Amino acid sequence: MTAVSTVHGGAAIEPLRFSAADLVDLFDTPEAGTPQWHERRAAALRYEASVHPVAAVNTAYRRLAKRHVATARLLEARLRRGPALEG
């Protein structure tokens, strides 16, 4: 399966998981299978990165936010194609 990812600094940012069911299990909430949930998580992580005083933590939060965005894009693409194609 081809990942929906963005390229940043030469490294591809991969989605957290490729299956909505795996996402629900990972985050222990049914909303984790929706693009909106991942967009909200990414926004929260970007905010935390902007206010945290430790640069290494900022970088980690930003990278995790990018993975949530990649996950949201993957879920959006799957919604456009239909649920029968989910892996």
PDB file of N, CA and C in Angstrom:
ATOM      1  N   MET A   1       0.843  -1.177   0.000  1.00  0.00           N
ATOM      2  CA  MET A   1       0.000   0.000   0.000  1.00  0.00           C
ATOM      3  C   MET A   1       0.882   1.230   0.000  1.00  0.00           C
ATOM      4  N   THR A   2       0.506   2.222  -0.779  1.00  0.00           N
ATOM      5  CA  THR A   2       1.246   3.470  -0.841  1.00  0.00           C
ATOM      6  C   THR A   2       0.780   4.394   0.261  1.00  0.00           C
ATOM      7  N   ALA A   3       1.714   4.930   0.990  1.00  0.00           N
ATOM      8  CA  ALA A   3       1.390   5.827   2.097  1.00  0.00           C
ATOM      9  C   ALA A   3       1.086   7.218   1.571  1.00  0.00           C
ATOM     10  N   VAL A   4       0.119   7.858   2.178  1.00  0.00           N
ATOM     11  CA  VAL A   4      -0.124   9.262   1.927  1.00  0.00           C
ATOM     12  C   VAL A   4       0.781   9.986   2.898  1.00  0.00           C
ATOM     13  N   SER A   5       1.807  10.622   2.372  1.00  0.00           N
ATOM     14  CA  SER A   5       2.745  11.269   3.274  1.00  0.00           C
ATOM     15  C   SER A   5       3.189  12.595   2.695  1.00  0.00           C
ATOM     16  N   THR A   6       3.748  13.397   3.547  1.00  0.00           N
ATOM     17  CA  THR A   6       4.325  14.655   3.115  1.00  0.00           C
ATOM     18  C   THR A   6       5.819  14.551   3.301  1.00  0.00           C
ATOM     19  N   VAL A   7       6.555  15.294   2.493  1.00  0.00           N
ATOM     20  CA  VAL A   7       8.002  15.266   2.602  1.00  0.00           C
ATOM     21  C   VAL A   7       8.443  16.547   3.270  1.00  0.00           C
ATOM     22  N   HIS A   8       9.264  16.393   4.293  1.00  0.00           N
ATOM     23  CA  HIS A   8       9.775  17.548   5.022  1.00  0.00           C
ATOM     24  C   HIS A   8      11.231  17.284   5.355  1.00  0.00           C
ATOM     25  N   GLY A   9      12.088  18.126   4.863  1.00  0.00           N
ATOM     26  CA  GLY A   9      13.504  17.961   5.170  1.00  0.00           C
ATOM     27  C   GLY A   9      14.077  16.664   4.630  1.00  0.00           C
ATOM     28  N   GLY A  10      13.534  16.158   3.521  1.00  0.00           N
ATOM     29  CA  GLY A  10      14.043  14.943   2.917  1.00  0.00           C
ATOM     30  C   GLY A  10      13.474  13.658   3.488  1.00  0.00           C
ATOM     31  N   ALA A  11      12.723  13.733   4.581  1.00  0.00           N
ATOM     32  CA  ALA A  11      12.165  12.529   5.197  1.00  0.00           C
ATOM     33  C   ALA A  11      10.654  12.520   5.037  1.00  0.00           C
ATOM     34  N   ALA A  12      10.110  11.393   4.642  1.00  0.00           N
ATOM     35  CA  ALA A  12       8.659  11.275   4.501  1.00  0.00           C
ATOM     36  C   ALA A  12       8.019  11.187   5.882  1.00  0.00           C
ATOM     37  N   ILE A  13       6.918  11.875   6.060  1.00  0.00           N
ATOM     38  CA  ILE A  13       6.153  11.805   7.299  1.00  0.00           C
ATOM     39  C   ILE A  13       5.043  10.796   7.072  1.00  0.00           C
ATOM     40  N   GLU A  14       5.104   9.690   7.773  1.00  0.00           N
ATOM     41  CA  GLU A  14       4.146   8.604   7.598  1.00  0.00           C
ATOM     42  C   GLU A  14       2.949   8.779   8.527  1.00  0.00           C
ATOM     43  N   PRO A  15       1.774   8.329   8.095  1.00  0.00           N
ATOM     44  CA  PRO A  15       0.613   8.306   8.992  1.00  0.00           C
ATOM     45  C   PRO A  15       0.907   7.409  10.203  1.00  0.00           C
ATOM     46  N   LEU A  16       0.191   7.646  11.269  1.00  0.00           N
ATOM     47  CA  LEU A  16       0.387   6.854  12.483  1.00  0.00           C
ATOM     48  C   LEU A  16       0.010   5.393  12.270  1.00  0.00           C
ATOM     49  N   ARG A  17      -1.075   5.149  11.584  1.00  0.00           N
ATOM     50  CA  ARG A  17      -1.542   3.814  11.220  1.00  0.00           C
ATOM     51  C   ARG A  17      -2.272   3.941   9.880  1.00  0.00           C
ATOM     52  N   PHE A  18      -2.460   2.819   9.201  1.00  0.00           N
ATOM     53  CA  PHE A  18      -3.133   2.853   7.913  1.00  0.00           C
ATOM     54  C   PHE A  18      -4.590   2.426   7.983  1.00  0.00           C
ATOM     55  N   SER A  19      -5.027   1.921   9.102  1.00  0.00           N
ATOM     56  CA  SER A  19      -6.391   1.446   9.261  1.00  0.00           C
ATOM     57  C   SER A  19      -7.107   2.261  10.331  1.00  0.00           C
ATOM     58  N   ALA A  20      -8.324   2.697  10.023  1.00  0.00           N
ATOM     59  CA  ALA A  20      -9.115   3.439  11.006  1.00  0.00           C
ATOM     60  C   ALA A  20      -9.359   2.583  12.247  1.00  0.00           C
ATOM     61  N   ALA A  21      -9.582   1.301  12.056  1.00  0.00           N
ATOM     62  CA  ALA A  21      -9.804   0.413  13.205  1.00  0.00           C
ATOM     63  C   ALA A  21      -8.553   0.352  14.090  1.00  0.00           C
ATOM     64  N   ASP A  22      -7.384   0.328  13.479  1.00  0.00           N
ATOM     65  CA  ASP A  22      -6.140   0.338  14.261  1.00  0.00           C
ATOM     66  C   ASP A  22      -5.977   1.642  15.022  1.00  0.00           C
ATOM     67  N   LEU A  23      -6.405   2.744  14.411  1.00  0.00           N
ATOM     68  CA  LEU A  23      -6.323   4.051  15.074  1.00  0.00           C
ATOM     69  C   LEU A  23      -7.243   4.111  16.290  1.00  0.00           C
ATOM     70  N   VAL A  24      -8.444   3.567  16.128  1.00  0.00           N
ATOM     71  CA  VAL A  24      -9.396   3.544  17.247  1.00  0.00           C
ATOM     72  C   VAL A  24      -8.808   2.729  18.394  1.00  0.00           C
ATOM     73  N   ASP A  25      -8.194   1.586  18.072  1.00  0.00           N
ATOM     74  CA  ASP A  25      -7.561   0.756  19.099  1.00  0.00           C
ATOM     75  C   ASP A  25      -6.371   1.467  19.736  1.00  0.00           C
ATOM     76  N   LEU A  26      -5.556   2.119  18.923  1.00  0.00           N
ATOM     77  CA  LEU A  26      -4.358   2.787  19.427  1.00  0.00           C
ATOM     78  C   LEU A  26      -4.701   3.905  20.407  1.00  0.00           C
ATOM     79  N   PHE A  27      -5.685   4.733  20.050  1.00  0.00           N
ATOM     80  CA  PHE A  27      -6.009   5.894  20.869  1.00  0.00           C
ATOM     81  C   PHE A  27      -7.187   5.659  21.806  1.00  0.00           C
ATOM     82  N   ASP A  28      -7.795   4.486  21.721  1.00  0.00           N
ATOM     83  CA  ASP A  28      -8.876   4.093  22.621  1.00  0.00           C
ATOM     84  C   ASP A  28     -10.052   5.062  22.593  1.00  0.00           C
ATOM     85  N   THR A  29     -10.380   5.549  21.391  1.00  0.00           N
ATOM     86  CA  THR A  29     -11.552   6.399  21.196  1.00  0.00           C
ATOM     87  C   THR A  29     -12.056   6.223  19.773  1.00  0.00           C
ATOM     88  N   PRO A  30     -13.370   6.107  19.582  1.00  0.00           N
ATOM     89  CA  PRO A  30     -13.911   5.934  18.231  1.00  0.00           C
ATOM     90  C   PRO A  30     -13.625   7.127  17.317  1.00  0.00           C
ATOM     91  N   GLU A  31     -13.455   8.309  17.902  1.00  0.00           N
ATOM     92  CA  GLU A  31     -13.200   9.503  17.099  1.00  0.00           C
ATOM     93  C   GLU A  31     -11.839   9.452  16.409  1.00  0.00           C
ATOM     94  N   ALA A  32     -10.930   8.607  16.882  1.00  0.00           N
ATOM     95  CA  ALA A  32      -9.595   8.506  16.289  1.00  0.00           C
ATOM     96  C   ALA A  32      -9.633   7.959  14.865  1.00  0.00           C
ATOM     97  N   GLY A  33     -10.763   7.433  14.447  1.00  0.00           N
ATOM     98  CA  GLY A  33     -10.914   6.953  13.083  1.00  0.00           C
ATOM     99  C   GLY A  33     -11.374   8.038  12.123  1.00  0.00           C
ATOM    100  N   THR A  34     -11.404   9.289  12.575  1.00  0.00           N
ATOM    101  CA  THR A  34     -11.865  10.393  11.732  1.00  0.00           C
ATOM    102  C   THR A  34     -10.743  11.395  11.467  1.00  0.00           C
ATOM    103  N   PRO A  35     -10.742  12.004  10.288  1.00  0.00           N
ATOM    104  CA  PRO A  35      -9.719  13.016   9.984  1.00  0.00           C
ATOM    105  C   PRO A  35      -9.794  14.218  10.933  1.00  0.00           C
ATOM    106  N   GLN A  36     -10.995  14.586  11.332  1.00  0.00           N
ATOM    107  CA  GLN A  36     -11.160  15.760  12.200  1.00  0.00           C
ATOM    108  C   GLN A  36     -10.451  15.583  13.534  1.00  0.00           C
ATOM    109  N   TRP A  37     -10.500  14.398  14.092  1.00  0.00           N
ATOM    110  CA  TRP A  37      -9.846  14.140  15.370  1.00  0.00           C
ATOM    111  C   TRP A  37      -8.338  14.352  15.249  1.00  0.00           C
ATOM    112  N   HIS A  38      -7.770  13.859  14.150  1.00  0.00           N
ATOM    113  CA  HIS A  38      -6.324  14.000  13.959  1.00  0.00           C
ATOM    114  C   HIS A  38      -5.926  15.443  13.679  1.00  0.00           C
ATOM    115  N   GLU A  39      -6.781  16.186  12.992  1.00  0.00           N
ATOM    116  CA  GLU A  39      -6.508  17.618  12.784  1.00  0.00           C
ATOM    117  C   GLU A  39      -6.498  18.348  14.122  1.00  0.00           C
ATOM    118  N   ARG A  40      -7.453  18.021  14.997  1.00  0.00           N
ATOM    119  CA  ARG A  40      -7.488  18.660  16.324  1.00  0.00           C
ATOM    120  C   ARG A  40      -6.268  18.290  17.157  1.00  0.00           C
ATOM    121  N   ARG A  41      -5.863  17.030  17.103  1.00  0.00           N
ATOM    122  CA  ARG A  41      -4.660  16.608  17.843  1.00  0.00           C
ATOM    123  C   ARG A  41      -3.425  17.336  17.323  1.00  0.00           C
ATOM    124  N   ALA A  42      -3.330  17.466  15.989  1.00  0.00           N
ATOM    125  CA  ALA A  42      -2.186  18.167  15.403  1.00  0.00           C
ATOM    126  C   ALA A  42      -2.166  19.626  15.859  1.00  0.00           C
ATOM    127  N   ALA A  43      -3.324  20.274  15.879  1.00  0.00           N
ATOM    128  CA  ALA A  43      -3.395  21.669  16.327  1.00  0.00           C
ATOM    129  C   ALA A  43      -2.977  21.788  17.790  1.00  0.00           C
ATOM    130  N   ALA A  44      -3.438  20.865  18.624  1.00  0.00           N
ATOM    131  CA  ALA A  44      -3.071  20.893  20.043  1.00  0.00           C
ATOM    132  C   ALA A  44      -1.568  20.679  20.222  1.00  0.00           C
ATOM    133  N   LEU A  45      -1.000  19.771  19.455  1.00  0.00           N
ATOM    134  CA  LEU A  45       0.440  19.521  19.559  1.00  0.00           C
ATOM    135  C   LEU A  45       1.255  20.705  19.058  1.00  0.00           C
ATOM    136  N   ARG A  46       0.793  21.357  17.983  1.00  0.00           N
ATOM    137  CA  ARG A  46       1.497  22.554  17.497  1.00  0.00           C
ATOM    138  C   ARG A  46       1.459  23.655  18.548  1.00  0.00           C
ATOM    139  N   TYR A  47       0.324  23.790  19.226  1.00  0.00           N
ATOM    140  CA  TYR A  47       0.231  24.786  20.290  1.00  0.00           C
ATOM    141  C   TYR A  47       1.208  24.443  21.421  1.00  0.00           C
ATOM    142  N   GLU A  48       1.194  23.193  21.858  1.00  0.00           N
ATOM    143  CA  GLU A  48       2.107  22.775  22.927  1.00  0.00           C
ATOM    144  C   GLU A  48       3.562  23.016  22.531  1.00  0.00           C
ATOM    145  N   ALA A  49       3.883  22.757  21.272  1.00  0.00           N
ATOM    146  CA  ALA A  49       5.252  22.995  20.798  1.00  0.00           C
ATOM    147  C   ALA A  49       5.610  24.473  20.867  1.00  0.00           C
ATOM    148  N   SER A  50       4.637  25.330  20.629  1.00  0.00           N
ATOM    149  CA  SER A  50       4.922  26.771  20.627  1.00  0.00           C
ATOM    150  C   SER A  50       5.145  27.335  22.022  1.00  0.00           C
ATOM    151  N   VAL A  51       4.648  26.668  23.043  1.00  0.00           N
ATOM    152  CA  VAL A  51       4.779  27.208  24.401  1.00  0.00           C
ATOM    153  C   VAL A  51       5.756  26.424  25.274  1.00  0.00           C
ATOM    154  N   HIS A  52       6.209  25.271  24.827  1.00  0.00           N
ATOM    155  CA  HIS A  52       7.115  24.464  25.655  1.00  0.00           C
ATOM    156  C   HIS A  52       8.517  25.063  25.617  1.00  0.00           C
ATOM    157  N   PRO A  53       9.175  25.164  26.765  1.00  0.00           N
ATOM    158  CA  PRO A  53      10.491  25.818  26.813  1.00  0.00           C
ATOM    159  C   PRO A  53      11.669  24.966  26.330  1.00  0.00           C
ATOM    160  N   VAL A  54      11.477  23.669  26.130  1.00  0.00           N
ATOM    161  CA  VAL A  54      12.587  22.787  25.748  1.00  0.00           C
ATOM    162  C   VAL A  54      12.525  22.512  24.242  1.00  0.00           C
ATOM    163  N   ALA A  55      13.586  22.864  23.532  1.00  0.00           N
ATOM    164  CA  ALA A  55      13.619  22.742  22.072  1.00  0.00           C
ATOM    165  C   ALA A  55      13.409  21.305  21.599  1.00  0.00           C
ATOM    166  N   ALA A  56      13.987  20.338  22.282  1.00  0.00           N
ATOM    167  CA  ALA A  56      13.837  18.941  21.861  1.00  0.00           C
ATOM    168  C   ALA A  56      12.373  18.492  21.962  1.00  0.00           C
ATOM    169  N   VAL A  57      11.681  18.963  22.972  1.00  0.00           N
ATOM    170  CA  VAL A  57      10.265  18.633  23.122  1.00  0.00           C
ATOM    171  C   VAL A  57       9.461  19.315  22.016  1.00  0.00           C
ATOM    172  N   ASN A  58       9.800  20.561  21.707  1.00  0.00           N
ATOM    173  CA  ASN A  58       9.131  21.276  20.614  1.00  0.00           C
ATOM    174  C   ASN A  58       9.239  20.493  19.313  1.00  0.00           C
ATOM    175  N   THR A  59      10.441  20.028  19.025  1.00  0.00           N
ATOM    176  CA  THR A  59      10.677  19.264  17.802  1.00  0.00           C
ATOM    177  C   THR A  59       9.861  17.976  17.792  1.00  0.00           C
ATOM    178  N   ALA A  60       9.829  17.283  18.899  1.00  0.00           N
ATOM    179  CA  ALA A  60       9.067  16.028  18.992  1.00  0.00           C
ATOM    180  C   ALA A  60       7.575  16.286  18.804  1.00  0.00           C
ATOM    181  N   TYR A  61       7.051  17.338  19.435  1.00  0.00           N
ATOM    182  CA  TYR A  61       5.630  17.670  19.277  1.00  0.00           C
ATOM    183  C   TYR A  61       5.312  18.026  17.826  1.00  0.00           C
ATOM    184  N   ARG A  62       6.187  18.787  17.192  1.00  0.00           N
ATOM    185  CA  ARG A  62       5.944  19.169  15.791  1.00  0.00           C
ATOM    186  C   ARG A  62       5.963  17.956  14.869  1.00  0.00           C
ATOM    187  N   ARG A  63       6.894  17.049  15.100  1.00  0.00           N
ATOM    188  CA  ARG A  63       6.955  15.838  14.273  1.00  0.00           C
ATOM    189  C   ARG A  63       5.712  14.973  14.478  1.00  0.00           C
ATOM    190  N   LEU A  64       5.274  14.835  15.710  1.00  0.00           N
ATOM    191  CA  LEU A  64       4.065  14.065  15.986  1.00  0.00           C
ATOM    192  C   LEU A  64       2.845  14.743  15.362  1.00  0.00           C
ATOM    193  N   ALA A  65       2.795  16.064  15.407  1.00  0.00           N
ATOM    194  CA  ALA A  65       1.697  16.801  14.774  1.00  0.00           C
ATOM    195  C   ALA A  65       1.673  16.514  13.272  1.00  0.00           C
ATOM    196  N   LYS A  66       2.829  16.475  12.643  1.00  0.00           N
ATOM    197  CA  LYS A  66       2.894  16.180  11.205  1.00  0.00           C
ATOM    198  C   LYS A  66       2.382  14.776  10.902  1.00  0.00           C
ATOM    199  N   ARG A  67       2.649  13.830  11.793  1.00  0.00           N
ATOM    200  CA  ARG A  67       2.133  12.469  11.593  1.00  0.00           C
ATOM    201  C   ARG A  67       0.612  12.445  11.726  1.00  0.00           C
ATOM    202  N   HIS A  68       0.073  13.244  12.644  1.00  0.00           N
ATOM    203  CA  HIS A  68      -1.385  13.333  12.760  1.00  0.00           C
ATOM    204  C   HIS A  68      -1.985  13.952  11.488  1.00  0.00           C
ATOM    205  N   VAL A  69      -1.328  14.955  10.933  1.00  0.00           N
ATOM    206  CA  VAL A  69      -1.814  15.564   9.685  1.00  0.00           C
ATOM    207  C   VAL A  69      -1.766  14.532   8.553  1.00  0.00           C
ATOM    208  N   ALA A  70      -0.674  13.780   8.449  1.00  0.00           N
ATOM    209  CA  ALA A  70      -0.577  12.741   7.418  1.00  0.00           C
ATOM    210  C   ALA A  70      -1.669  11.693   7.605  1.00  0.00           C
ATOM    211  N   THR A  71      -1.962  11.353   8.841  1.00  0.00           N
ATOM    212  CA  THR A  71      -3.034  10.398   9.129  1.00  0.00           C
ATOM    213  C   THR A  71      -4.381  10.966   8.710  1.00  0.00           C
ATOM    214  N   ALA A  72      -4.620  12.239   9.007  1.00  0.00           N
ATOM    215  CA  ALA A  72      -5.877  12.875   8.606  1.00  0.00           C
ATOM    216  C   ALA A  72      -6.023  12.857   7.088  1.00  0.00           C
ATOM    217  N   ARG A  73      -4.937  13.141   6.366  1.00  0.00           N
ATOM    218  CA  ARG A  73      -4.995  13.134   4.886  1.00  0.00           C
ATOM    219  C   ARG A  73      -5.306  11.734   4.360  1.00  0.00           C
ATOM    220  N   LEU A  74      -4.707  10.726   4.968  1.00  0.00           N
ATOM    221  CA  LEU A  74      -4.975   9.347   4.558  1.00  0.00           C
ATOM    222  C   LEU A  74      -6.447   9.004   4.773  1.00  0.00           C
ATOM    223  N   LEU A  75      -6.972   9.357   5.944  1.00  0.00           N
ATOM    224  CA  LEU A  75      -8.379   9.064   6.233  1.00  0.00           C
ATOM    225  C   LEU A  75      -9.307   9.836   5.301  1.00  0.00           C
ATOM    226  N   GLU A  76      -8.966  11.081   4.983  1.00  0.00           N
ATOM    227  CA  GLU A  76      -9.770  11.857   4.043  1.00  0.00           C
ATOM    228  C   GLU A  76      -9.790  11.194   2.671  1.00  0.00           C
ATOM    229  N   ALA A  77      -8.635  10.741   2.216  1.00  0.00           N
ATOM    230  CA  ALA A  77      -8.563  10.068   0.914  1.00  0.00           C
ATOM    231  C   ALA A  77      -9.396   8.797   0.918  1.00  0.00           C
ATOM    232  N   ARG A  78      -9.361   8.072   2.016  1.00  0.00           N
ATOM    233  CA  ARG A  78     -10.165   6.848   2.109  1.00  0.00           C
ATOM    234  C   ARG A  78     -11.654   7.158   2.120  1.00  0.00           C
ATOM    235  N   LEU A  79     -12.033   8.238   2.783  1.00  0.00           N
ATOM    236  CA  LEU A  79     -13.452   8.615   2.795  1.00  0.00           C
ATOM    237  C   LEU A  79     -13.941   8.979   1.396  1.00  0.00           C
ATOM    238  N   ARG A  80     -13.089   9.632   0.624  1.00  0.00           N
ATOM    239  CA  ARG A  80     -13.465   9.984  -0.755  1.00  0.00           C
ATOM    240  C   ARG A  80     -13.642   8.748  -1.626  1.00  0.00           C
ATOM    241  N   ARG A  81     -12.791   7.732  -1.395  1.00  0.00           N
ATOM    242  CA  ARG A  81     -12.862   6.503  -2.195  1.00  0.00           C
ATOM    243  C   ARG A  81     -13.939   5.563  -1.715  1.00  0.00           C
ATOM    244  N   GLY A  82     -14.273   5.621  -0.442  1.00  0.00           N
ATOM    245  CA  GLY A  82     -15.283   4.721   0.107  1.00  0.00           C
ATOM    246  C   GLY A  82     -14.687   3.763   1.107  1.00  0.00           C
ATOM    247  N   PRO A  83     -15.492   3.275   2.037  1.00  0.00           N
ATOM    248  CA  PRO A  83     -15.008   2.418   3.128  1.00  0.00           C
ATOM    249  C   PRO A  83     -14.551   1.037   2.675  1.00  0.00           C
ATOM    250  N   ALA A  84     -14.963   0.578   1.512  1.00  0.00           N
ATOM    251  CA  ALA A  84     -14.611  -0.791   1.072  1.00  0.00           C
ATOM    252  C   ALA A  84     -13.115  -0.942   0.813  1.00  0.00           C
ATOM    253  N   LEU A  85     -12.398   0.178   0.640  1.00  0.00           N
ATOM    254  CA  LEU A  85     -10.987   0.083   0.316  1.00  0.00           C
ATOM    255  C   LEU A  85     -10.079   0.172   1.531  1.00  0.00           C
ATOM    256  N   GLU A  86     -10.640   0.261   2.723  1.00  0.00           N
ATOM    257  CA  GLU A  86      -9.796   0.378   3.906  1.00  0.00           C
ATOM    258  C   GLU A  86      -9.024  -0.892   4.153  1.00  0.00           C
ATOM    259  N   GLY A  87      -7.726  -0.707   4.550  1.00  0.00           N
ATOM    260  CA  GLY A  87      -6.837  -1.857   4.756  1.00  0.00           C
ATOM    261  C   GLY A  87      -6.766  -2.349   6.134  1.00  0.00           C
TER     262      GLY A  87
END
